[in-house]
Amino acid sequence: MRLITLFLVLALAVGCNSKKESSKSGSKAAATFKYNLGQQPTTMNPLSSTDAYSSRVQAYVVESLAARNDDTYDWEPSLASSFEIAPNGLEYTFTLREGVKWHDGKPFTAEDVKFSFDAILHPENKYKTAHLRPYFENIASCEIIAPNKVKFTAKKKYFGNFNVVAGMDIVPKHLYADPDEEQKKVLNKTLVGTGPYIFEEFKRGKNIILKKNPEWWGNNDPAQKGKHQFGGILMRFVKDGTIAIQRAERGDLDFIALNAEEYMKKTNSKNWGKKVFKVKTQNQAPKGYGFIGWNMKSDLFKSREVRLALYHLINRRLMIKKFDFDLNLPATGPWYQQSVYADPSVKPIEYDPKKALEILRKDGWKDTDGDAILDKNIDGKKVNFSFTILEPNKEFVKYLTIFKEDAKKAGVDVNIKVVEWNTFIKKLDERGFDAVRLAWSGGSVDLDPKQIWHSSSYQNKGSNFVGYENKKVDKLIDEARATIDKQARIKKLQEVYREIANDVPYAFLFNSKFAFYGHTKQTKRPKDTFNFSVGLSHWWIEK
């Protein structure tokens, strides 16, 4: 299962453009796909990693028992050759594929599946899996019932029970069970899986190299025909969008994600349309969203009125017009508004500095010392309305600068601090911030908001790093998880959406309407995009 993960830009839902349905065999097998990962992953360890960059690398190397079809979203066999669900809906049996080997040559066994599950639910969080536990808490056990069979048993009904066990990343027990301190360091820098590509090298600050796995089980499986055709994958860490565009023009990158501004303004040189191509597309995949998250454990942001007033000082319409060419939408709540689980009656909070000042004055904020910064007495102490937003992507600073200038006019002192990604993640884990600007990936089509929005997800470095608490939201999330009927679950989660949007724990920024990307002429694909994925696994390079 690819959980909701942290990433830097507003959205990386991308598609590709080629009408060619098939390619000639021969040259494509040896060709390396040069992909811009954008950022160096924090760790390669599939158990503890939380960022989207790690997840994208792992998707090529590590496998699960089943995998989603890119067009239908149905589950299809992967490390399991077959699976079945018991009539009671609480037992899930997987028959494991024979002859599968880990990339280090060891055989894949049922013990690896059981360990991968047990590690997630380790009572002392030994493997740093707190971010995964909300999904698996309803699964009581994983039993080995035959050398090639495992059975998961659920405690109670949860609409995602089968999804989480079918999509669980499987890691090798012989490497991850009891590593010493030196081995742990190695596991953070390398990756051993069963998948179509082998993790070969991690050059810090430069790239990750994957090579084709000649012993991948899928090479001889008719169901996998046409997939994973690269001879290798070179993942570069090009953070700057302008530099990434230049490198694509030179052929140093075969694929780059683009934002709206880059698509409209920075991809119009003579090379575009000849050697490299840009594409705008849409699909049904969940969309990520950007946000400014307020640390609700801080005295400054405990007040809903403060958070609401700050939201009214963010001129998102201007940002979208100036930087995104009206190709994005102002977000309305805690996941993408195009989802059926988002309440369409929730409207975006608009830029209104006059209203912001009215709210702040009613909440007791005023400039008592004439320094042009509002202040207030909180618990017997004078507190200036001043805070710092941590920003991991310098390209987004221009958006925050608009906010900073508008806030200054209202007497709010906003500071912007660009922080390197690994340091940023550490600040999140330690809850050591006033506010953060970040984004969440789209997650699953049938979403479960517990990972981010349930109060229990604050502990053990969980994903609720802003410390949001709402008992009604907790109750609704718990009820929705136990609601199998989708229409009934939609109703409950739309109420969750309304509640969270009203509480404004984040300033929800933008939702993408489109996906933008660039690709070289030699990069081919069967179609623009699949229904629920770009379909990178179906691409090939044609020299």
Protein backbone atom coordinates (compact mmCIF):
# COMPACT_ATOMS: atom_id res chain seq x y z
CA MET A 1 0.00 0.00 0.00
CA ARG A 2 1.35 3.37 -0.97
CA LEU A 3 0.21 5.46 1.95
CA ILE A 4 -0.24 9.21 1.92
CA THR A 5 3.25 10.63 1.80
CA LEU A 6 4.93 13.98 2.17
CA PHE A 7 6.28 15.80 -0.83
CA LEU A 8 7.52 19.24 -1.74
CA VAL A 9 5.60 20.52 -4.71
CA LEU A 10 1.88 21.00 -5.03
CA ALA A 11 1.19 17.92 -7.10
CA LEU A 12 3.16 15.30 -8.94
CA ALA A 13 0.29 13.44 -10.60
CA VAL A 14 1.75 13.11 -14.06
CA GLY A 15 0.86 11.51 -17.35
CA CYS A 16 2.60 11.03 -20.65
CA ASN A 17 1.86 11.57 -24.29
CA SER A 18 2.32 9.00 -27.00
CA LYS A 19 -0.26 7.41 -29.24
CA LYS A 20 1.97 4.52 -30.25
CA GLU A 21 0.51 1.24 -28.98
CA SER A 22 3.59 -0.96 -29.19
CA SER A 23 7.29 -0.84 -29.87
CA LYS A 24 9.76 -3.00 -31.70
CA SER A 25 11.83 -5.24 -29.50
CA GLY A 26 15.59 -4.96 -29.41
CA SER A 27 16.99 -1.61 -28.36
CA LYS A 28 14.54 -0.89 -25.56
CA ALA A 29 15.81 -3.70 -23.30
CA ALA A 30 19.17 -2.03 -22.77
CA ALA A 31 17.96 1.57 -22.54
CA THR A 32 18.18 3.48 -19.26
CA PHE A 33 15.30 5.72 -18.24
CA LYS A 34 16.53 9.00 -16.76
CA TYR A 35 13.95 10.18 -14.25
CA ASN A 36 13.95 13.31 -12.09
CA LEU A 37 13.08 12.23 -8.57
CA GLY A 38 13.44 15.88 -7.54
CA GLN A 39 14.67 15.33 -4.01
CA GLN A 40 16.96 12.93 -2.21
CA PRO A 41 14.94 10.45 -0.11
CA THR A 42 15.29 10.64 3.65
CA THR A 43 15.80 6.87 3.99
CA MET A 44 15.43 3.79 1.82
CA ASN A 45 13.99 1.67 4.62
CA PRO A 46 10.43 0.73 3.52
CA LEU A 47 9.29 0.26 7.12
CA SER A 48 10.23 3.68 8.43
CA SER A 49 10.19 5.98 5.39
CA THR A 50 7.37 8.53 5.11
CA ASP A 51 8.24 10.75 2.16
CA ALA A 52 7.07 10.34 -1.43
CA TYR A 53 10.62 10.31 -2.81
CA SER A 54 11.48 7.13 -0.91
CA SER A 55 8.15 5.63 -1.93
CA ARG A 56 8.80 6.27 -5.63
CA VAL A 57 12.11 4.42 -5.50
CA GLN A 58 10.63 1.56 -3.47
CA ALA A 59 7.82 1.12 -6.01
CA TYR A 60 10.36 -0.20 -8.55
CA VAL A 61 12.20 -2.48 -6.12
CA VAL A 62 9.81 -3.66 -3.40
CA GLU A 63 6.60 -5.57 -4.11
CA SER A 64 3.36 -6.43 -2.34
CA LEU A 65 1.11 -9.47 -2.45
CA ALA A 66 -1.15 -7.83 -5.01
CA ALA A 67 -1.00 -4.73 -7.21
CA ARG A 68 -3.57 -2.31 -8.59
CA ASN A 69 -4.45 -2.33 -12.28
CA ASP A 70 -3.64 1.12 -13.68
CA ASP A 71 -6.85 1.30 -15.71
CA THR A 72 -9.45 -0.56 -13.61
CA TYR A 73 -8.04 -0.09 -10.08
CA ASP A 74 -8.75 -3.80 -9.47
CA TRP A 75 -6.34 -5.91 -7.43
CA GLU A 76 -4.22 -8.31 -9.47
CA PRO A 77 -1.71 -10.98 -8.36
CA SER A 78 1.85 -9.95 -7.59
CA LEU A 79 3.92 -11.82 -4.96
CA ALA A 80 0.76 -13.83 -4.39
CA SER A 81 -0.28 -15.90 -7.38
CA SER A 82 -3.87 -15.92 -6.10
CA PHE A 83 -5.96 -14.72 -3.17
CA GLU A 84 -9.40 -15.24 -1.67
CA ILE A 85 -11.67 -13.51 0.83
CA ALA A 86 -13.68 -15.64 3.27
CA PRO A 87 -17.49 -15.33 3.23
CA ASN A 88 -17.39 -13.54 6.60
CA GLY A 89 -15.23 -10.82 5.04
CA LEU A 90 -12.68 -11.06 7.85
CA GLU A 91 -10.17 -13.62 6.53
CA TYR A 92 -7.85 -13.12 3.56
CA THR A 93 -5.78 -16.01 2.24
CA PHE A 94 -2.88 -15.52 -0.17
CA THR A 95 -1.14 -18.28 -2.10
CA LEU A 96 2.44 -17.18 -2.62
CA ARG A 97 4.17 -17.28 -5.97
CA GLU A 98 6.73 -20.08 -6.28
CA GLY A 99 10.37 -19.50 -7.15
CA VAL A 100 10.58 -15.81 -6.25
CA LYS A 101 13.98 -14.62 -5.01
CA TRP A 102 15.14 -11.57 -3.14
CA HIS A 103 17.70 -9.47 -4.96
CA ASP A 104 20.43 -10.90 -2.72
CA GLY A 105 19.57 -14.43 -3.95
CA LYS A 106 17.69 -15.62 -0.87
CA PRO A 107 14.29 -17.27 -1.48
CA PHE A 108 11.11 -15.33 -0.77
CA THR A 109 9.02 -17.17 1.86
CA ALA A 110 5.88 -16.90 3.95
CA GLU A 111 8.13 -15.90 6.87
CA ASP A 112 8.92 -12.66 5.05
CA VAL A 113 5.23 -11.83 4.74
CA LYS A 114 4.54 -12.53 8.40
CA PHE A 115 7.56 -10.50 9.52
CA SER A 116 6.54 -7.52 7.37
CA PHE A 117 3.16 -7.48 9.07
CA ASP A 118 4.45 -8.08 12.60
CA ALA A 119 7.05 -5.31 12.20
CA ILE A 120 4.35 -2.75 11.48
CA LEU A 121 2.45 -3.63 14.66
CA HIS A 122 5.45 -4.12 16.93
CA PRO A 123 4.22 -2.99 20.38
CA GLU A 124 7.32 -0.90 21.07
CA ASN A 125 7.47 0.68 17.60
CA LYS A 126 10.84 -1.04 17.12
CA TYR A 127 10.81 -0.49 13.37
CA LYS A 128 9.52 3.13 13.40
CA THR A 129 6.25 2.24 11.70
CA ALA A 130 3.86 4.56 13.57
CA HIS A 131 2.73 6.17 10.31
CA LEU A 132 1.55 2.76 9.01
CA ARG A 133 -0.17 1.47 12.12
CA PRO A 134 -3.52 3.27 11.70
CA TYR A 135 -4.15 1.24 8.56
CA PHE A 136 -3.29 -2.12 10.10
CA GLU A 137 -4.79 -1.80 13.57
CA ASN A 138 -7.88 -3.80 12.56
CA ILE A 139 -5.81 -6.79 11.40
CA ALA A 140 -5.48 -9.24 14.29
CA SER A 141 -2.91 -11.62 12.87
CA CYS A 142 -0.94 -13.02 9.98
CA GLU A 143 -0.63 -16.81 10.09
CA ILE A 144 1.46 -19.15 7.98
CA ILE A 145 -0.99 -21.94 7.17
CA ALA A 146 1.20 -23.74 4.61
CA PRO A 147 4.74 -23.23 3.24
CA ASN A 148 3.22 -21.16 0.42
CA LYS A 149 0.13 -19.72 2.12
CA VAL A 150 -0.58 -16.95 4.59
CA LYS A 151 -3.88 -15.95 6.16
CA PHE A 152 -4.69 -12.53 7.59
CA THR A 153 -7.54 -12.30 10.09
CA ALA A 154 -9.28 -9.03 10.83
CA LYS A 155 -10.65 -8.08 14.25
CA LYS A 156 -13.63 -6.26 12.84
CA LYS A 157 -15.01 -4.87 9.65
CA TYR A 158 -13.05 -2.08 8.00
CA PHE A 159 -13.60 -1.15 4.38
CA GLY A 160 -9.85 -1.16 3.74
CA ASN A 161 -8.88 -4.42 5.48
CA PHE A 162 -8.13 -6.34 2.29
CA ASN A 163 -6.50 -3.31 0.67
CA VAL A 164 -3.94 -2.85 3.43
CA VAL A 165 -2.82 -6.49 3.53
CA ALA A 166 -2.85 -6.90 -0.26
CA GLY A 167 -0.83 -3.72 -0.75
CA MET A 168 1.59 -4.12 2.18
CA ASP A 169 5.24 -3.76 1.18
CA ILE A 170 7.03 -7.05 1.79
CA VAL A 171 10.60 -6.84 3.10
CA PRO A 172 13.14 -9.64 3.67
CA LYS A 173 13.08 -10.90 7.25
CA HIS A 174 16.70 -12.03 7.12
CA LEU A 175 17.82 -8.39 6.67
CA TYR A 176 15.30 -6.33 8.63
CA ALA A 177 14.40 -8.44 11.66
CA ASP A 178 17.37 -7.81 13.97
CA PRO A 179 19.98 -5.55 12.38
CA ASP A 180 22.74 -4.12 14.57
CA GLU A 181 23.49 -0.40 14.53
CA GLU A 182 25.86 -0.61 11.58
CA GLN A 183 23.41 -2.74 9.60
CA LYS A 184 20.64 -0.22 10.30
CA LYS A 185 22.75 2.49 8.69
CA VAL A 186 23.22 0.29 5.63
CA LEU A 187 19.48 -0.42 5.41
CA ASN A 188 18.83 3.33 5.31
CA LYS A 189 21.04 3.67 2.26
CA THR A 190 20.16 0.58 0.25
CA LEU A 191 17.13 -1.49 -0.65
CA VAL A 192 16.56 -5.21 -1.23
CA GLY A 193 13.32 -6.35 -2.81
CA THR A 194 11.87 -8.85 -5.24
CA GLY A 195 10.77 -6.37 -7.89
CA PRO A 196 11.62 -5.70 -11.54
CA TYR A 197 14.57 -3.45 -10.70
CA ILE A 198 17.54 -3.98 -8.39
CA PHE A 199 18.82 -1.15 -6.23
CA GLU A 200 22.42 -0.72 -7.34
CA GLU A 201 23.81 2.54 -6.00
CA PHE A 202 22.86 5.62 -3.96
CA LYS A 203 25.13 8.58 -4.69
CA ARG A 204 24.37 11.12 -1.97
CA GLY A 205 23.32 14.45 -3.42
CA LYS A 206 23.41 13.12 -7.00
CA ASN A 207 21.33 10.11 -7.98
CA ILE A 208 20.06 6.59 -7.41
CA ILE A 209 20.79 3.85 -9.92
CA LEU A 210 18.49 0.87 -10.47
CA LYS A 211 19.23 -1.96 -12.87
CA LYS A 212 16.88 -4.44 -14.52
CA ASN A 213 16.31 -7.62 -12.54
CA PRO A 214 16.94 -10.54 -14.97
CA GLU A 215 15.35 -13.00 -12.52
CA TRP A 216 12.15 -11.05 -11.86
CA TRP A 217 9.21 -13.45 -11.83
CA GLY A 218 7.23 -11.11 -14.10
CA ASN A 219 9.66 -11.48 -16.99
CA ASN A 220 7.98 -14.77 -17.89
CA ASP A 221 4.44 -13.95 -16.78
CA PRO A 222 2.06 -13.15 -19.66
CA ALA A 223 0.08 -10.84 -17.36
CA GLN A 224 3.16 -8.60 -17.05
CA LYS A 225 3.83 -8.36 -20.78
CA GLY A 226 4.73 -4.83 -21.84
CA LYS A 227 5.66 -3.70 -18.32
CA HIS A 228 9.02 -2.70 -16.85
CA GLN A 229 10.88 -2.51 -20.15
CA PHE A 230 13.76 -0.23 -19.12
CA GLY A 231 17.24 -1.68 -18.94
CA GLY A 232 17.78 0.48 -15.88
CA ILE A 233 16.56 3.64 -14.18
CA LEU A 234 18.71 6.62 -13.25
CA MET A 235 16.92 8.80 -10.68
CA ARG A 236 18.44 12.26 -10.42
CA PHE A 237 17.89 14.75 -7.57
CA VAL A 238 17.32 17.96 -9.54
CA LYS A 239 15.45 20.27 -7.15
CA ASP A 240 15.35 23.40 -9.29
CA GLY A 241 12.60 23.26 -11.93
CA THR A 242 14.44 25.52 -14.37
CA ILE A 243 17.56 23.36 -14.21
CA ALA A 244 15.45 20.22 -14.64
CA ILE A 245 13.95 21.72 -17.81
CA GLN A 246 17.39 22.54 -19.17
CA ARG A 247 18.62 19.03 -18.46
CA ALA A 248 15.58 17.54 -20.21
CA GLU A 249 16.35 19.73 -23.23
CA ARG A 250 19.89 18.30 -23.26
CA GLY A 251 18.60 14.74 -22.92
CA ASP A 252 19.94 14.29 -19.38
CA LEU A 253 16.39 13.61 -18.15
CA ASP A 254 13.76 11.61 -20.03
CA PHE A 255 10.92 12.70 -17.80
CA ILE A 256 10.24 15.72 -15.59
CA ALA A 257 7.19 16.83 -13.65
CA LEU A 258 6.16 20.39 -14.47
CA ASN A 259 4.09 22.91 -12.59
CA ALA A 260 1.62 25.21 -14.33
CA GLU A 261 4.07 28.10 -14.63
CA GLU A 262 6.77 25.91 -16.11
CA TYR A 263 4.30 24.40 -18.54
CA MET A 264 3.10 27.80 -19.72
CA LYS A 265 6.26 29.92 -19.64
CA LYS A 266 9.45 27.89 -19.39
CA THR A 267 8.95 25.20 -22.01
CA ASN A 268 8.70 27.31 -25.16
CA SER A 269 12.26 27.22 -26.49
CA LYS A 270 13.10 25.80 -29.92
CA ASN A 271 13.81 22.34 -28.43
CA TRP A 272 10.25 21.90 -27.20
CA GLY A 273 8.14 20.12 -29.78
CA LYS A 274 11.22 18.61 -31.42
CA LYS A 275 13.52 16.91 -28.95
CA VAL A 276 11.40 17.25 -25.84
CA PHE A 277 7.64 17.54 -25.44
CA LYS A 278 5.30 18.95 -22.83
CA VAL A 279 1.90 17.50 -21.93
CA LYS A 280 -1.20 18.54 -20.00
CA THR A 281 -3.49 15.67 -19.05
CA GLN A 282 -6.09 14.46 -16.57
CA ASN A 283 -6.92 11.13 -14.94
CA GLN A 284 -8.88 9.77 -12.00
CA ALA A 285 -5.90 9.31 -9.71
CA PRO A 286 -6.13 11.02 -6.30
CA LYS A 287 -4.62 14.49 -6.35
CA GLY A 288 -2.22 15.87 -3.79
CA TYR A 289 -2.58 19.28 -2.20
CA GLY A 290 -0.34 21.90 -0.65
CA PHE A 291 -0.89 23.51 2.73
CA ILE A 292 0.49 25.65 5.50
CA GLY A 293 0.20 23.65 8.71
CA TRP A 294 -0.09 25.49 12.04
CA ASN A 295 1.44 23.92 15.14
CA MET A 296 -1.70 23.69 17.25
CA LYS A 297 0.29 22.91 20.38
CA SER A 298 1.73 26.44 20.14
CA ASP A 299 -0.03 29.16 22.15
CA LEU A 300 -0.15 31.28 19.02
CA PHE A 301 -2.16 28.84 16.92
CA LYS A 302 -4.47 27.25 19.50
CA SER A 303 -7.12 29.81 18.63
CA ARG A 304 -9.31 28.95 15.66
CA GLU A 305 -9.87 32.68 15.16
CA VAL A 306 -6.14 33.22 14.63
CA ARG A 307 -5.95 30.41 12.09
CA LEU A 308 -9.04 31.66 10.27
CA ALA A 309 -7.73 35.22 10.18
CA LEU A 310 -4.44 34.05 8.71
CA TYR A 311 -6.33 32.12 6.05
CA HIS A 312 -8.11 35.36 5.07
CA LEU A 313 -4.68 36.94 4.56
CA ILE A 314 -3.61 34.38 1.93
CA ASN A 315 -4.44 35.70 -1.53
CA ARG A 316 -4.73 32.36 -3.28
CA ARG A 317 -6.63 33.73 -6.26
CA LEU A 318 -3.75 36.10 -7.00
CA MET A 319 -1.18 33.31 -6.57
CA ILE A 320 -3.11 31.04 -8.92
CA LYS A 321 -3.45 33.80 -11.51
CA LYS A 322 0.12 35.07 -11.22
CA PHE A 323 2.01 31.80 -10.96
CA ASP A 324 -0.40 29.05 -12.07
CA PHE A 325 -2.19 30.73 -14.99
CA ASP A 326 -5.58 29.84 -13.50
CA LEU A 327 -4.83 26.14 -14.02
CA ASN A 328 -5.25 25.21 -10.34
CA LEU A 329 -8.12 25.54 -7.87
CA PRO A 330 -8.15 27.06 -4.37
CA ALA A 331 -8.43 24.09 -2.01
CA THR A 332 -11.47 23.82 0.22
CA GLY A 333 -10.54 21.14 2.76
CA PRO A 334 -8.37 18.26 3.98
CA TRP A 335 -8.17 16.30 0.73
CA TYR A 336 -8.67 17.03 -2.94
CA GLN A 337 -12.06 18.54 -3.66
CA GLN A 338 -12.67 16.37 -6.76
CA SER A 339 -12.96 13.31 -4.51
CA VAL A 340 -16.44 11.91 -3.84
CA TYR A 341 -15.47 12.04 -0.15
CA ALA A 342 -15.11 15.83 -0.24
CA ASP A 343 -18.21 17.87 0.59
CA PRO A 344 -18.93 20.04 -2.47
CA SER A 345 -20.82 22.54 -0.30
CA VAL A 346 -17.58 23.61 1.39
CA LYS A 347 -16.34 26.76 -0.32
CA PRO A 348 -12.80 28.17 -0.33
CA ILE A 349 -11.95 30.77 2.30
CA GLU A 350 -11.29 33.92 0.33
CA TYR A 351 -8.68 36.62 0.74
CA ASP A 352 -10.24 39.36 2.88
CA PRO A 353 -7.75 41.43 4.95
CA LYS A 354 -10.51 43.58 6.39
CA LYS A 355 -12.30 40.53 7.75
CA ALA A 356 -9.00 39.14 9.03
CA LEU A 357 -8.39 42.30 11.08
CA GLU A 358 -11.92 42.23 12.47
CA ILE A 359 -11.43 38.62 13.61
CA LEU A 360 -8.06 39.41 15.20
CA ARG A 361 -9.37 42.48 17.06
CA LYS A 362 -12.27 40.45 18.45
CA ASP A 363 -9.74 37.84 19.56
CA GLY A 364 -7.83 40.50 21.52
CA TRP A 365 -4.97 41.31 19.15
CA LYS A 366 -3.81 44.94 18.88
CA ASP A 367 -0.61 46.94 18.53
CA THR A 368 0.05 48.17 22.07
CA ASP A 369 3.60 49.43 21.57
CA GLY A 370 3.45 51.07 18.15
CA ASP A 371 5.89 48.68 16.45
CA ALA A 372 3.38 47.84 13.67
CA ILE A 373 3.11 44.25 14.94
CA LEU A 374 -0.01 43.04 16.71
CA ASP A 375 0.39 41.64 20.20
CA LYS A 376 -1.71 40.01 22.88
CA ASN A 377 -1.41 38.96 26.51
CA ILE A 378 -1.48 35.16 26.65
CA ASP A 379 -1.26 33.50 30.09
CA GLY A 380 0.15 36.69 31.58
CA LYS A 381 2.80 37.13 28.91
CA LYS A 382 2.90 39.61 26.04
CA VAL A 383 3.10 37.69 22.76
CA ASN A 384 3.93 39.36 19.45
CA PHE A 385 2.10 38.05 16.40
CA SER A 386 5.29 36.79 14.81
CA PHE A 387 6.12 33.32 13.53
CA THR A 388 8.28 31.40 11.07
CA ILE A 389 7.10 29.15 8.24
CA LEU A 390 9.53 26.36 7.41
CA GLU A 391 9.70 25.82 3.65
CA PRO A 392 11.59 22.88 2.08
CA ASN A 393 11.34 24.12 -1.52
CA LYS A 394 12.88 27.48 -2.40
CA GLU A 395 10.77 27.66 -5.58
CA PHE A 396 7.65 28.03 -3.46
CA VAL A 397 8.99 31.05 -1.56
CA LYS A 398 7.42 33.42 -4.11
CA TYR A 399 3.95 32.22 -3.06
CA LEU A 400 4.74 32.70 0.61
CA THR A 401 6.23 36.12 -0.08
CA ILE A 402 2.83 37.35 -1.24
CA PHE A 403 1.36 36.09 2.03
CA LYS A 404 4.19 37.65 4.03
CA GLU A 405 3.65 41.10 2.50
CA ASP A 406 -0.13 41.01 2.94
CA ALA A 407 0.24 39.78 6.52
CA LYS A 408 2.67 42.60 7.29
CA LYS A 409 0.05 45.17 6.32
CA ALA A 410 -2.28 43.59 8.87
CA GLY A 411 0.35 43.69 11.63
CA VAL A 412 1.40 40.04 11.39
CA ASP A 413 5.11 39.32 11.16
CA VAL A 414 5.70 36.27 8.94
CA ASN A 415 9.20 34.90 8.46
CA ILE A 416 10.08 32.34 5.79
CA LYS A 417 12.92 29.90 6.37
CA VAL A 418 14.04 27.50 3.65
CA VAL A 419 15.12 24.21 5.22
CA GLU A 420 16.87 21.21 3.67
CA TRP A 421 14.54 18.20 3.32
CA ASN A 422 16.10 15.83 5.84
CA THR A 423 16.31 18.61 8.43
CA PHE A 424 12.72 19.50 7.64
CA ILE A 425 11.52 15.94 8.31
CA LYS A 426 13.42 15.93 11.60
CA LYS A 427 11.64 19.17 12.61
CA LEU A 428 8.29 17.55 11.83
CA ASP A 429 9.13 14.45 13.87
CA GLU A 430 10.26 16.57 16.81
CA ARG A 431 7.27 18.96 16.42
CA GLY A 432 9.87 21.74 16.39
CA PHE A 433 8.15 24.38 14.27
CA ASP A 434 5.68 27.28 14.32
CA ALA A 435 4.26 26.56 10.87
CA VAL A 436 5.26 24.45 7.87
CA ARG A 437 4.52 24.68 4.17
CA LEU A 438 4.29 21.27 2.58
CA ALA A 439 2.03 18.96 0.57
CA TRP A 440 0.44 15.56 0.84
CA SER A 441 0.31 13.08 -2.01
CA GLY A 442 -3.10 11.84 -3.09
CA GLY A 443 -3.12 8.49 -1.29
CA SER A 444 -5.85 6.01 -2.17
CA VAL A 445 -9.01 6.52 -4.23
CA ASP A 446 -11.02 5.18 -1.28
CA LEU A 447 -9.34 7.31 1.33
CA ASP A 448 -8.96 6.80 5.05
CA PRO A 449 -8.08 10.07 6.81
CA LYS A 450 -6.97 8.49 10.09
CA GLN A 451 -3.25 8.71 9.26
CA ILE A 452 -3.34 12.51 9.22
CA TRP A 453 -6.45 13.69 11.05
CA HIS A 454 -7.17 11.32 13.94
CA SER A 455 -5.85 12.62 17.28
CA SER A 456 -4.13 9.25 17.92
CA SER A 457 -1.87 9.88 14.93
CA TYR A 458 0.04 12.60 16.78
CA GLN A 459 2.03 10.16 18.91
CA ASN A 460 5.24 8.32 17.96
CA LYS A 461 6.13 10.74 15.15
CA GLY A 462 2.80 10.10 13.45
CA SER A 463 1.53 12.11 10.50
CA ASN A 464 -0.75 14.38 12.55
CA PHE A 465 2.29 16.55 13.30
CA VAL A 466 0.23 19.74 13.75
CA GLY A 467 -1.52 18.18 16.76
CA TYR A 468 -5.10 18.43 15.50
CA GLU A 469 -7.73 17.14 17.94
CA ASN A 470 -11.49 16.94 17.44
CA LYS A 471 -13.46 14.22 19.25
CA LYS A 472 -16.29 14.38 16.71
CA VAL A 473 -13.83 13.91 13.86
CA ASP A 474 -12.19 10.98 15.68
CA LYS A 475 -15.59 9.34 16.15
CA LEU A 476 -16.64 9.88 12.52
CA ILE A 477 -13.33 8.55 11.19
CA ASP A 478 -13.65 5.44 13.37
CA GLU A 479 -17.23 4.93 12.20
CA ALA A 480 -16.33 5.45 8.55
CA ARG A 481 -13.56 2.87 8.78
CA ALA A 482 -16.12 0.29 9.93
CA THR A 483 -18.65 1.27 7.25
CA ILE A 484 -18.46 -1.13 4.31
CA ASP A 485 -21.22 0.51 2.28
CA LYS A 486 -19.47 3.16 0.18
CA GLN A 487 -22.39 5.59 -0.02
CA ALA A 488 -22.80 5.56 3.75
CA ARG A 489 -19.05 6.03 4.15
CA ILE A 490 -19.11 8.97 1.74
CA LYS A 491 -21.71 10.67 3.92
CA LYS A 492 -19.60 10.26 7.06
CA LEU A 493 -16.36 11.39 5.45
CA GLN A 494 -17.99 14.42 3.87
CA GLU A 495 -18.95 15.42 7.41
CA VAL A 496 -15.34 14.90 8.47
CA TYR A 497 -14.32 17.12 5.58
CA ARG A 498 -16.68 19.89 6.75
CA GLU A 499 -15.52 19.66 10.35
CA ILE A 500 -11.82 19.84 9.54
CA ALA A 501 -12.31 22.61 6.99
CA ASN A 502 -14.18 24.61 9.64
CA ASP A 503 -11.40 24.06 12.21
CA VAL A 504 -8.72 25.31 9.77
CA PRO A 505 -5.77 23.34 11.22
CA TYR A 506 -4.12 23.96 7.85
CA ALA A 507 -4.41 26.76 5.37
CA PHE A 508 -5.34 24.44 2.49
CA LEU A 509 -3.74 25.98 -0.58
CA PHE A 510 -4.37 24.54 -4.04
CA ASN A 511 -5.89 21.55 -5.82
CA SER A 512 -4.59 20.55 -9.23
CA LYS A 513 -6.94 20.41 -12.19
CA PHE A 514 -4.32 18.96 -14.52
CA ALA A 515 -1.04 17.09 -14.51
CA PHE A 516 1.88 18.61 -16.41
CA TYR A 517 5.10 16.92 -17.45
CA GLY A 518 7.84 16.87 -20.02
CA HIS A 519 9.40 13.89 -21.84
CA THR A 520 12.10 13.31 -24.41
CA LYS A 521 11.36 12.17 -27.93
CA GLN A 522 12.83 8.74 -27.24
CA THR A 523 10.50 8.15 -24.31
CA LYS A 524 7.46 6.18 -25.49
CA ARG A 525 4.26 5.07 -23.83
CA PRO A 526 1.05 3.34 -24.88
CA LYS A 527 -1.20 6.33 -24.17
CA ASP A 528 -1.31 9.75 -22.52
CA THR A 529 -2.29 8.38 -19.14
CA PHE A 530 -4.07 5.42 -17.65
CA ASN A 531 -7.27 5.94 -15.66
CA PHE A 532 -5.74 5.69 -12.21
CA SER A 533 -2.06 6.17 -12.88
CA VAL A 534 0.30 7.75 -15.33
CA GLY A 535 1.45 4.23 -16.10
CA LEU A 536 5.23 4.65 -15.86
CA SER A 537 5.59 0.89 -15.62
CA HIS A 538 4.28 0.62 -19.21
CA TRP A 539 6.81 3.02 -20.76
CA TRP A 540 9.87 2.20 -22.82
CA ILE A 541 12.83 3.97 -24.44
CA GLU A 542 13.20 3.76 -28.20
CA LYS A 543 16.57 4.81 -29.56
